Every structure is written in structure tokens, then in C-alpha cells.
N, C-alpha and C. Protein backbone atom coordinates (compact mmCIF):
# COMPACT_ATOMS: atom_id res chain seq x y z
N MET A 1 9.81 63.84 96.45
CA MET A 1 9.61 65.18 96.05
C MET A 1 10.77 66.09 96.35
N ASP A 2 11.47 65.83 97.43
CA ASP A 2 12.67 66.75 97.70
C ASP A 2 13.73 66.51 96.63
N VAL A 3 13.83 65.31 96.07
CA VAL A 3 14.81 65.01 95.08
C VAL A 3 14.53 65.87 93.78
N ALA A 4 13.32 65.93 93.32
CA ALA A 4 12.93 66.71 92.22
C ALA A 4 13.15 68.20 92.44
N ILE A 5 12.83 68.72 93.62
CA ILE A 5 13.03 70.13 93.94
C ILE A 5 14.49 70.42 93.94
N ALA A 6 15.31 69.57 94.70
CA ALA A 6 16.74 69.81 94.78
C ALA A 6 17.36 69.71 93.41
N LEU A 7 17.01 68.80 92.56
CA LEU A 7 17.62 68.64 91.35
C LEU A 7 17.22 69.95 90.43
N GLY A 8 16.06 70.38 90.53
CA GLY A 8 15.59 71.53 89.80
C GLY A 8 16.31 72.81 90.22
N GLN A 9 16.55 72.96 91.51
CA GLN A 9 17.24 74.13 91.95
C GLN A 9 18.72 74.02 91.55
N GLY A 10 19.33 72.85 91.61
CA GLY A 10 20.70 72.67 91.15
C GLY A 10 20.82 72.87 89.75
N VAL A 11 19.92 72.37 88.92
CA VAL A 11 20.03 72.65 87.43
C VAL A 11 19.76 74.10 87.09
N GLY A 12 18.85 74.74 87.79
CA GLY A 12 18.64 76.14 87.54
C GLY A 12 19.87 77.02 87.90
N LEU A 13 20.61 76.72 88.96
CA LEU A 13 21.76 77.39 89.38
C LEU A 13 22.85 77.14 88.38
N ALA A 14 22.89 75.93 87.77
CA ALA A 14 23.94 75.54 86.88
C ALA A 14 23.70 76.28 85.54
N VAL A 15 22.37 76.62 85.18
CA VAL A 15 22.08 77.30 84.01
C VAL A 15 22.60 78.81 84.10
N ALA A 16 22.35 79.34 85.39
CA ALA A 16 22.76 80.66 85.79
C ALA A 16 24.28 80.80 85.66
N CYS A 17 25.00 79.69 85.87
CA CYS A 17 26.47 79.71 85.83
C CYS A 17 26.99 79.97 84.40
N GLY A 18 26.15 79.61 83.42
CA GLY A 18 26.50 79.98 82.06
C GLY A 18 26.59 81.52 81.71
N LEU A 19 25.91 82.25 82.52
CA LEU A 19 25.92 83.66 82.31
C LEU A 19 27.14 84.25 83.06
N VAL A 20 27.19 84.09 84.33
CA VAL A 20 28.35 84.56 85.18
C VAL A 20 28.70 83.39 85.98
N ALA A 21 29.87 82.77 85.78
CA ALA A 21 30.05 81.45 86.40
C ALA A 21 30.03 81.37 87.87
N LEU A 22 30.66 82.18 88.62
CA LEU A 22 30.75 82.06 90.08
C LEU A 22 29.69 82.75 90.92
N LEU A 23 28.92 83.58 90.24
CA LEU A 23 27.95 84.41 91.04
C LEU A 23 26.72 83.50 91.54
N PRO A 24 26.32 82.55 90.75
CA PRO A 24 25.25 81.73 91.21
C PRO A 24 25.59 80.94 92.47
N ILE A 25 26.85 80.60 92.61
CA ILE A 25 27.28 79.91 93.87
C ILE A 25 26.96 80.79 95.11
N ALA A 26 27.23 82.05 94.95
CA ALA A 26 26.97 83.02 96.03
C ALA A 26 25.36 83.16 96.22
N ILE A 27 24.57 83.21 95.16
CA ILE A 27 23.21 83.31 95.33
C ILE A 27 22.63 82.05 96.03
N GLY A 28 23.17 80.89 95.57
CA GLY A 28 22.74 79.68 96.16
C GLY A 28 23.09 79.55 97.65
N SER A 29 24.26 80.12 98.11
CA SER A 29 24.65 80.00 99.43
C SER A 29 23.81 80.92 100.32
N LEU A 30 23.38 82.06 99.77
CA LEU A 30 22.39 82.85 100.43
C LEU A 30 21.02 82.19 100.57
N GLY A 31 20.67 81.42 99.50
CA GLY A 31 19.45 80.54 99.61
C GLY A 31 19.55 79.50 100.64
N ALA A 32 20.68 78.84 100.73
CA ALA A 32 20.94 77.79 101.70
C ALA A 32 20.88 78.40 103.12
N LEU A 33 21.41 79.51 103.30
CA LEU A 33 21.41 80.31 104.52
C LEU A 33 20.01 80.55 104.99
N ALA A 34 19.14 80.95 103.96
CA ALA A 34 17.69 81.23 104.33
C ALA A 34 16.99 79.97 104.50
N GLY A 35 17.53 78.87 104.15
CA GLY A 35 16.75 77.55 104.41
C GLY A 35 15.85 77.19 103.22
N ILE A 36 16.03 77.69 102.08
CA ILE A 36 15.12 77.33 100.97
C ILE A 36 15.66 76.37 99.94
N LEU A 37 16.83 75.67 100.26
CA LEU A 37 17.35 74.70 99.40
C LEU A 37 17.32 73.35 100.26
N PRO A 38 16.25 72.51 99.97
CA PRO A 38 16.06 71.36 100.81
C PRO A 38 17.15 70.33 100.54
N GLY A 39 17.80 70.34 99.43
CA GLY A 39 18.89 69.27 99.19
C GLY A 39 20.23 69.75 99.42
N ALA A 40 20.45 70.83 100.01
CA ALA A 40 21.77 71.54 100.04
C ALA A 40 22.70 70.74 101.01
N LEU A 41 23.89 70.67 100.67
CA LEU A 41 24.92 70.10 101.61
C LEU A 41 25.10 71.00 102.86
N ASN A 42 25.55 70.49 103.85
CA ASN A 42 25.64 71.31 105.11
C ASN A 42 26.64 72.42 105.08
N VAL A 43 27.63 72.35 104.24
CA VAL A 43 28.65 73.28 104.13
C VAL A 43 28.21 74.50 103.35
N TYR A 44 27.13 74.32 102.59
CA TYR A 44 26.66 75.46 101.71
C TYR A 44 26.15 76.72 102.47
N ASP A 45 25.75 76.54 103.75
CA ASP A 45 25.27 77.81 104.50
C ASP A 45 26.17 78.19 105.56
N GLU A 46 27.40 77.78 105.50
CA GLU A 46 28.41 78.28 106.53
C GLU A 46 28.88 79.71 106.13
N THR A 47 29.25 80.47 107.09
CA THR A 47 29.67 81.91 106.92
C THR A 47 30.83 81.95 105.95
N ALA A 48 31.83 81.14 106.02
CA ALA A 48 32.98 81.23 105.22
C ALA A 48 32.60 80.96 103.71
N MET A 49 31.62 80.02 103.48
CA MET A 49 31.16 79.78 102.17
C MET A 49 30.43 80.94 101.64
N VAL A 50 29.56 81.51 102.38
CA VAL A 50 28.86 82.67 102.00
C VAL A 50 29.83 83.84 101.49
N VAL A 51 30.65 84.20 102.41
CA VAL A 51 31.55 85.33 102.20
C VAL A 51 32.54 85.06 101.09
N GLY A 52 33.06 83.76 101.00
CA GLY A 52 34.06 83.38 99.96
C GLY A 52 33.33 83.46 98.64
N SER A 53 32.16 82.90 98.48
CA SER A 53 31.45 82.86 97.25
C SER A 53 30.95 84.23 96.71
N LEU A 54 30.65 85.08 97.67
CA LEU A 54 30.30 86.48 97.30
C LEU A 54 31.50 87.20 96.76
N VAL A 55 32.64 87.03 97.39
CA VAL A 55 33.92 87.69 96.90
C VAL A 55 34.33 87.13 95.54
N ALA A 56 34.31 85.83 95.48
CA ALA A 56 34.58 85.12 94.09
C ALA A 56 33.66 85.50 93.15
N GLY A 57 32.36 85.56 93.40
CA GLY A 57 31.32 85.96 92.39
C GLY A 57 31.45 87.36 92.03
N GLY A 58 31.79 88.27 92.87
CA GLY A 58 32.01 89.70 92.49
C GLY A 58 33.22 89.87 91.61
N ALA A 59 34.24 89.16 91.96
CA ALA A 59 35.53 89.26 91.10
C ALA A 59 35.28 88.69 89.76
N ASN A 60 34.52 87.53 89.67
CA ASN A 60 34.19 87.04 88.32
C ASN A 60 33.29 87.97 87.59
N ALA A 61 32.41 88.63 88.19
CA ALA A 61 31.52 89.56 87.46
C ALA A 61 32.29 90.76 86.93
N VAL A 62 33.29 91.23 87.60
CA VAL A 62 34.14 92.29 87.27
C VAL A 62 35.00 91.87 85.96
N ALA A 63 35.54 90.71 86.09
CA ALA A 63 36.51 90.20 85.09
C ALA A 63 35.89 89.55 83.86
N GLU A 64 34.50 89.41 83.86
CA GLU A 64 33.79 88.67 82.88
C GLU A 64 34.12 89.16 81.45
N PRO A 65 34.20 90.36 81.12
CA PRO A 65 34.44 90.73 79.69
C PRO A 65 35.86 90.36 79.19
N LYS A 66 36.73 90.21 80.12
CA LYS A 66 38.19 89.94 79.80
C LYS A 66 38.43 88.44 79.71
N ILE A 67 37.48 87.51 80.02
CA ILE A 67 37.71 86.08 80.00
C ILE A 67 37.29 85.68 78.61
N ALA A 68 38.22 84.88 77.94
CA ALA A 68 37.95 84.32 76.56
C ALA A 68 36.79 83.34 76.62
N GLY A 69 36.17 83.21 75.52
CA GLY A 69 34.95 82.37 75.43
C GLY A 69 35.17 80.93 75.82
N THR A 70 36.31 80.24 75.36
CA THR A 70 36.48 78.83 75.69
C THR A 70 36.67 78.76 77.21
N THR A 71 37.46 79.66 77.72
CA THR A 71 37.68 79.66 79.22
C THR A 71 36.41 79.87 79.97
N ARG A 72 35.53 80.75 79.43
CA ARG A 72 34.21 80.95 80.06
C ARG A 72 33.45 79.68 80.15
N ILE A 73 33.38 78.99 79.08
CA ILE A 73 32.69 77.76 78.86
C ILE A 73 33.18 76.74 80.02
N ALA A 74 34.51 76.60 80.11
CA ALA A 74 35.12 75.55 81.01
C ALA A 74 34.81 76.07 82.44
N LEU A 75 34.88 77.43 82.70
CA LEU A 75 34.54 77.83 84.06
C LEU A 75 33.15 77.69 84.37
N ALA A 76 32.23 77.86 83.47
CA ALA A 76 30.79 77.61 83.58
C ALA A 76 30.60 76.15 83.86
N ALA A 77 31.30 75.22 83.26
CA ALA A 77 31.08 73.86 83.47
C ALA A 77 31.51 73.54 84.92
N ILE A 78 32.68 73.98 85.32
CA ILE A 78 33.22 73.65 86.68
C ILE A 78 32.31 74.25 87.75
N ALA A 79 31.83 75.53 87.57
CA ALA A 79 30.94 76.08 88.51
C ALA A 79 29.62 75.47 88.54
N GLY A 80 29.12 75.09 87.36
CA GLY A 80 27.83 74.32 87.23
C GLY A 80 27.90 73.04 88.06
N ALA A 81 29.00 72.42 87.92
CA ALA A 81 29.08 71.09 88.71
C ALA A 81 29.22 71.34 90.21
N VAL A 82 29.87 72.38 90.57
CA VAL A 82 30.05 72.71 92.02
C VAL A 82 28.73 73.16 92.62
N VAL A 83 28.03 74.13 91.90
CA VAL A 83 26.85 74.60 92.48
C VAL A 83 25.74 73.62 92.54
N CYS A 84 25.63 72.68 91.45
CA CYS A 84 24.63 71.70 91.52
C CYS A 84 24.86 70.71 92.62
N GLU A 85 26.17 70.35 92.78
CA GLU A 85 26.46 69.44 93.95
C GLU A 85 26.17 70.06 95.31
N LEU A 86 26.49 71.35 95.43
CA LEU A 86 26.19 72.02 96.75
C LEU A 86 24.66 72.19 96.83
N ALA A 87 23.96 72.39 95.86
CA ALA A 87 22.49 72.68 96.06
C ALA A 87 21.74 71.35 96.13
N ALA A 88 22.13 70.24 95.51
CA ALA A 88 21.43 69.04 95.49
C ALA A 88 22.14 67.80 96.03
N GLY A 89 23.33 68.05 96.53
CA GLY A 89 24.23 66.82 96.96
C GLY A 89 23.69 66.07 98.01
N ASP A 90 22.88 66.67 98.86
CA ASP A 90 22.36 65.89 100.01
C ASP A 90 21.28 64.83 99.53
N GLU A 91 20.59 65.15 98.46
CA GLU A 91 19.60 64.34 97.93
C GLU A 91 20.17 63.36 96.79
N ILE A 92 20.81 63.86 95.97
CA ILE A 92 21.51 63.04 94.89
C ILE A 92 22.96 63.38 94.85
N SER A 93 23.75 62.49 95.41
CA SER A 93 25.18 62.81 95.70
C SER A 93 25.95 63.09 94.44
N TYR A 94 26.57 62.14 93.86
CA TYR A 94 27.62 62.52 92.81
C TYR A 94 27.00 62.65 91.36
N ALA A 95 25.83 62.21 91.18
CA ALA A 95 25.19 62.41 89.89
C ALA A 95 24.98 63.94 89.52
N SER A 96 24.80 64.69 90.60
CA SER A 96 24.64 66.12 90.43
C SER A 96 25.82 66.87 89.91
N LEU A 97 27.00 66.22 90.20
CA LEU A 97 28.23 66.82 89.53
C LEU A 97 28.24 66.74 88.07
N ALA A 98 27.92 65.58 87.51
CA ALA A 98 27.82 65.37 86.15
C ALA A 98 26.73 66.23 85.40
N VAL A 99 25.63 66.22 86.06
CA VAL A 99 24.47 66.96 85.43
C VAL A 99 24.76 68.42 85.51
N GLY A 100 25.30 68.95 86.55
CA GLY A 100 25.71 70.38 86.67
C GLY A 100 26.73 70.71 85.71
N ALA A 101 27.76 69.93 85.53
CA ALA A 101 28.87 70.16 84.51
C ALA A 101 28.25 70.33 83.08
N LEU A 102 27.44 69.34 82.72
CA LEU A 102 26.82 69.33 81.39
C LEU A 102 25.95 70.56 81.15
N VAL A 103 25.11 70.89 82.14
CA VAL A 103 24.17 72.05 82.01
C VAL A 103 25.00 73.33 82.07
N GLY A 104 26.03 73.41 82.96
CA GLY A 104 26.80 74.64 82.99
C GLY A 104 27.56 74.89 81.62
N ALA A 105 28.19 73.85 81.12
CA ALA A 105 28.91 73.95 79.87
C ALA A 105 28.04 74.34 78.74
N GLY A 106 26.80 73.66 78.70
CA GLY A 106 25.87 74.05 77.63
C GLY A 106 25.38 75.52 77.66
N ALA A 107 25.10 75.84 78.96
CA ALA A 107 24.60 77.33 79.09
C ALA A 107 25.79 78.27 78.83
N GLY A 108 26.94 77.91 79.17
CA GLY A 108 28.12 78.76 78.89
C GLY A 108 28.39 78.88 77.40
N TRP A 109 28.22 77.71 76.63
CA TRP A 109 28.28 77.78 75.16
C TRP A 109 27.32 78.71 74.58
N ILE A 110 26.04 78.58 75.11
CA ILE A 110 24.98 79.40 74.54
C ILE A 110 25.24 80.90 74.88
N ALA A 111 25.72 81.20 76.09
CA ALA A 111 25.92 82.63 76.47
C ALA A 111 27.09 83.17 75.59
N THR A 112 28.08 82.38 75.37
CA THR A 112 29.21 82.98 74.54
C THR A 112 28.79 83.27 73.15
N ARG A 113 27.83 82.49 72.58
CA ARG A 113 27.32 82.67 71.19
C ARG A 113 26.47 83.94 71.20
N ILE A 114 25.83 84.27 72.23
CA ILE A 114 24.96 85.49 72.28
C ILE A 114 25.78 86.71 72.74
N VAL A 115 26.57 86.59 73.84
CA VAL A 115 27.25 87.70 74.41
C VAL A 115 28.45 88.18 73.73
N ASP A 116 29.26 87.27 73.15
CA ASP A 116 30.47 87.73 72.41
C ASP A 116 30.21 88.69 71.34
N PRO A 117 29.27 88.36 70.41
CA PRO A 117 29.00 89.34 69.34
C PRO A 117 28.49 90.71 69.84
N ALA A 118 27.70 90.65 70.96
CA ALA A 118 27.19 91.85 71.57
C ALA A 118 28.35 92.70 72.05
N ASN A 119 29.28 92.02 72.73
CA ASN A 119 30.57 92.75 73.27
C ASN A 119 31.31 93.31 72.14
N ALA A 120 31.37 92.69 70.97
CA ALA A 120 32.11 93.12 69.85
C ALA A 120 31.50 94.38 69.16
N ASN A 121 30.17 94.40 69.20
CA ASN A 121 29.41 95.51 68.60
C ASN A 121 29.07 96.64 69.46
N GLY A 122 29.21 96.53 70.77
CA GLY A 122 28.81 97.48 71.70
C GLY A 122 29.76 97.75 72.86
N PRO A 123 29.35 98.54 73.80
CA PRO A 123 30.34 98.81 74.94
C PRO A 123 30.30 97.63 75.78
N ALA A 124 31.50 97.05 76.05
CA ALA A 124 31.66 95.78 76.80
C ALA A 124 31.02 96.01 78.27
N ALA A 125 31.27 97.18 78.83
CA ALA A 125 30.86 97.35 80.27
C ALA A 125 29.43 97.27 80.29
N GLY A 126 28.67 97.85 79.34
CA GLY A 126 27.17 97.93 79.34
C GLY A 126 26.64 96.47 79.13
N VAL A 127 27.22 95.76 78.24
CA VAL A 127 26.79 94.37 77.99
C VAL A 127 27.01 93.52 79.15
N THR A 128 28.26 93.68 79.81
CA THR A 128 28.54 92.91 81.02
C THR A 128 27.57 93.16 82.15
N LEU A 129 27.16 94.51 82.23
CA LEU A 129 26.26 94.85 83.36
C LEU A 129 24.92 94.01 83.16
N PHE A 130 24.40 94.07 81.93
CA PHE A 130 23.17 93.29 81.68
C PHE A 130 23.35 91.73 81.85
N VAL A 131 24.49 91.31 81.47
CA VAL A 131 24.66 89.82 81.67
C VAL A 131 24.75 89.49 83.11
N VAL A 132 25.50 90.19 83.90
CA VAL A 132 25.51 90.06 85.36
C VAL A 132 24.17 90.07 86.02
N LEU A 133 23.39 91.14 85.67
CA LEU A 133 22.08 91.26 86.18
C LEU A 133 21.21 90.08 85.80
N ALA A 134 21.32 89.58 84.58
CA ALA A 134 20.55 88.44 84.10
C ALA A 134 20.96 87.21 84.83
N GLY A 135 22.30 87.07 85.18
CA GLY A 135 22.80 85.91 85.92
C GLY A 135 22.24 85.94 87.31
N ILE A 136 22.21 87.10 87.96
CA ILE A 136 21.77 87.21 89.28
C ILE A 136 20.20 86.86 89.31
N GLY A 137 19.46 87.42 88.32
CA GLY A 137 18.04 87.11 88.23
C GLY A 137 17.85 85.66 87.93
N ALA A 138 18.62 85.05 87.06
CA ALA A 138 18.41 83.57 86.82
C ALA A 138 18.72 82.68 88.02
N ALA A 139 19.63 83.09 88.79
CA ALA A 139 20.10 82.37 89.97
C ALA A 139 19.02 82.59 91.07
N ALA A 140 18.42 83.70 91.12
CA ALA A 140 17.33 83.93 92.07
C ALA A 140 16.09 83.18 91.75
N ILE A 141 15.78 83.20 90.51
CA ILE A 141 14.65 82.43 90.03
C ILE A 141 14.85 80.90 90.27
N ALA A 142 16.12 80.42 90.06
CA ALA A 142 16.40 79.01 90.25
C ALA A 142 16.11 78.57 91.75
N LEU A 143 16.07 79.38 92.69
CA LEU A 143 15.84 79.06 94.06
C LEU A 143 14.42 78.67 94.30
N ILE A 144 13.48 79.09 93.37
CA ILE A 144 12.01 78.80 93.42
C ILE A 144 11.91 77.26 93.04
N PRO A 145 11.24 76.54 93.86
CA PRO A 145 11.10 75.03 93.46
C PRO A 145 10.50 74.82 92.02
N PHE A 146 11.22 73.93 91.27
CA PHE A 146 10.79 73.59 89.88
C PHE A 146 11.02 74.66 88.87
N ALA A 147 11.41 75.87 89.28
CA ALA A 147 11.67 76.94 88.26
C ALA A 147 13.03 76.68 87.50
N GLY A 148 13.88 75.81 88.10
CA GLY A 148 15.14 75.53 87.43
C GLY A 148 14.89 74.75 86.12
N TYR A 149 13.84 73.97 86.11
CA TYR A 149 13.49 73.17 84.88
C TYR A 149 13.11 74.19 83.80
N VAL A 150 12.37 75.20 84.11
CA VAL A 150 11.90 76.21 83.18
C VAL A 150 13.17 76.95 82.58
N LEU A 151 14.07 77.28 83.53
CA LEU A 151 15.38 77.96 83.12
C LEU A 151 16.10 77.08 82.08
N LEU A 152 16.06 75.80 82.36
CA LEU A 152 16.77 74.84 81.43
C LEU A 152 16.09 74.86 80.01
N LEU A 153 14.76 74.93 79.95
CA LEU A 153 13.98 74.99 78.76
C LEU A 153 14.24 76.36 78.02
N VAL A 154 14.31 77.48 78.81
CA VAL A 154 14.62 78.73 78.21
C VAL A 154 16.04 78.75 77.66
N ALA A 155 17.03 78.22 78.33
CA ALA A 155 18.37 78.03 77.83
C ALA A 155 18.43 77.22 76.57
N ALA A 156 17.76 76.13 76.44
CA ALA A 156 17.63 75.32 75.26
C ALA A 156 17.02 76.07 74.07
N TRP A 157 16.02 76.89 74.36
CA TRP A 157 15.46 77.69 73.32
C TRP A 157 16.51 78.71 72.81
N PHE A 158 17.12 79.38 73.67
CA PHE A 158 18.23 80.28 73.32
C PHE A 158 19.31 79.63 72.53
N GLY A 159 19.65 78.40 72.85
CA GLY A 159 20.64 77.59 72.20
C GLY A 159 20.23 77.33 70.75
N ARG A 160 19.03 76.96 70.63
CA ARG A 160 18.42 76.71 69.28
C ARG A 160 18.44 77.94 68.42
N ARG A 161 18.00 79.01 69.00
CA ARG A 161 18.04 80.27 68.33
C ARG A 161 19.43 80.73 67.93
N ALA A 162 20.44 80.54 68.75
CA ALA A 162 21.82 80.92 68.53
C ALA A 162 22.35 80.07 67.35
N ARG A 163 22.02 78.82 67.30
CA ARG A 163 22.39 77.93 66.24
C ARG A 163 21.78 78.27 64.92
N LYS A 164 20.50 78.67 64.96
CA LYS A 164 19.82 79.18 63.67
C LYS A 164 20.51 80.41 63.18
N VAL A 165 20.89 81.39 64.04
CA VAL A 165 21.47 82.61 63.66
C VAL A 165 22.85 82.26 62.97
N GLN A 166 23.58 81.33 63.61
CA GLN A 166 24.90 80.87 63.13
C GLN A 166 24.73 80.27 61.76
N ASP A 167 23.67 79.46 61.50
CA ASP A 167 23.44 78.96 60.20
C ASP A 167 23.08 79.94 59.17
N ARG A 168 22.25 80.97 59.50
CA ARG A 168 21.98 82.06 58.57
C ARG A 168 23.10 82.79 58.18
N LYS A 169 24.17 82.93 59.08
CA LYS A 169 25.33 83.79 58.81
C LYS A 169 26.05 83.27 57.66
N TYR A 170 26.06 81.97 57.52
CA TYR A 170 26.76 81.34 56.27
C TYR A 170 25.90 80.68 55.32
N ALA A 171 24.62 81.21 55.19
CA ALA A 171 23.71 80.60 54.33
C ALA A 171 24.05 80.62 52.88
N GLY A 172 24.72 81.70 52.43
CA GLY A 172 25.16 81.71 50.95
C GLY A 172 26.48 81.20 50.79
N LEU A 173 27.20 80.86 51.79
CA LEU A 173 28.54 80.32 51.67
C LEU A 173 28.72 79.06 52.38
N ARG A 174 28.13 78.03 52.01
CA ARG A 174 28.03 76.80 52.69
C ARG A 174 29.49 76.22 52.78
N VAL A 175 30.31 76.50 51.84
CA VAL A 175 31.73 75.99 51.87
C VAL A 175 32.46 76.54 53.01
N LEU A 176 32.16 77.69 53.53
CA LEU A 176 32.92 78.39 54.62
C LEU A 176 32.39 78.05 55.93
N ARG A 177 31.20 77.37 55.97
CA ARG A 177 30.63 77.08 57.31
C ARG A 177 31.42 76.08 58.01
N TRP A 178 31.66 76.28 59.29
CA TRP A 178 32.50 75.41 60.16
C TRP A 178 31.64 74.89 61.24
N GLY A 179 31.50 73.65 61.50
CA GLY A 179 30.79 73.15 62.73
C GLY A 179 29.54 72.64 62.42
């Protein structure tokens, strides 16, 4: 049972990395400090990890609108791998790195498809504030046992929706559609 809980928490935190890459690492370290991550590595609740992840997460949240889409996806993949390993590495060691990287990259791709057009059409600071708050909320929800699996399903639904919107954009011009 601990393996399923740890994997769910790791996957949920990796999904949150798609929104704001480094902030879920900080939320997860606070959860490990509180003792609610049963599969967390021992290093995840140390003071240096908590402070360092909070500083890095805050800096990432501030710089989020200035990071290019492809870079954001790569950063989400790396952060997803790290956070999934930190949250579930005691239960499932190296497999959580691959799972976290795939989930983080997928969630990052979905987030860029939704957030980038919103940034182009509205005030970037306002959109970023909502994305950061959604990332914090998703990371906090991921700490609840088995809620990470629900976050994964929600991300998949948003991905399907983003793909349908992209298909509709070029509906009359199939020759110009790329991808």
C-alpha cells in the first residue's frame, strides 16, 4: 500500500511541476517535514533542502513568464524526475525518476499549450499569478494519498482538450497544420 501511496504522491507532484517547475519540490519538502510522505527519501525533510527548495521555487515562480516554452518543458521534466524520486524513492528507487520525468514533461507540454496563448493575450503578471497559485494548489493536493492519480487524469483531460483546440485552429487550412 505504501508503494501505491508514494507513487501517487510522486506522480501528483510531478504533474504540479508542469505548472511551476521548482515550486512543487518545496511543497513536497514541507510535506516530508510534516511526515505525510511515506516513501520520501531521508534527505527530503532536512532543513537545507526545505530552505533551498523554497528559495529556488520562489525564484522560478518570479521568472516563469520569461522562460521560453521548450525550456519550461525541459525544466518540468527534470523537476518532475527529481520530485518524484524524492517523494517516492524510498519505496520505488530509480523507476520513479523515469516516471517523474515523463509526467513532468507531459504536464509541462500541456501547460505551455494553455498558458502561452493566455500570456500573449493578457497581462503576463496576472496569468503567472494564477499559474503559480494553481501549481501550489496542485502540489498541496498531491500530498493527499491517491490524489496524485486524479491530478494525472485531470492533466490528461487538459492535454486532450489542448490538442482539440489546436486541431480546430487549423480546421480550414489542413495544409498549414504542423504536428
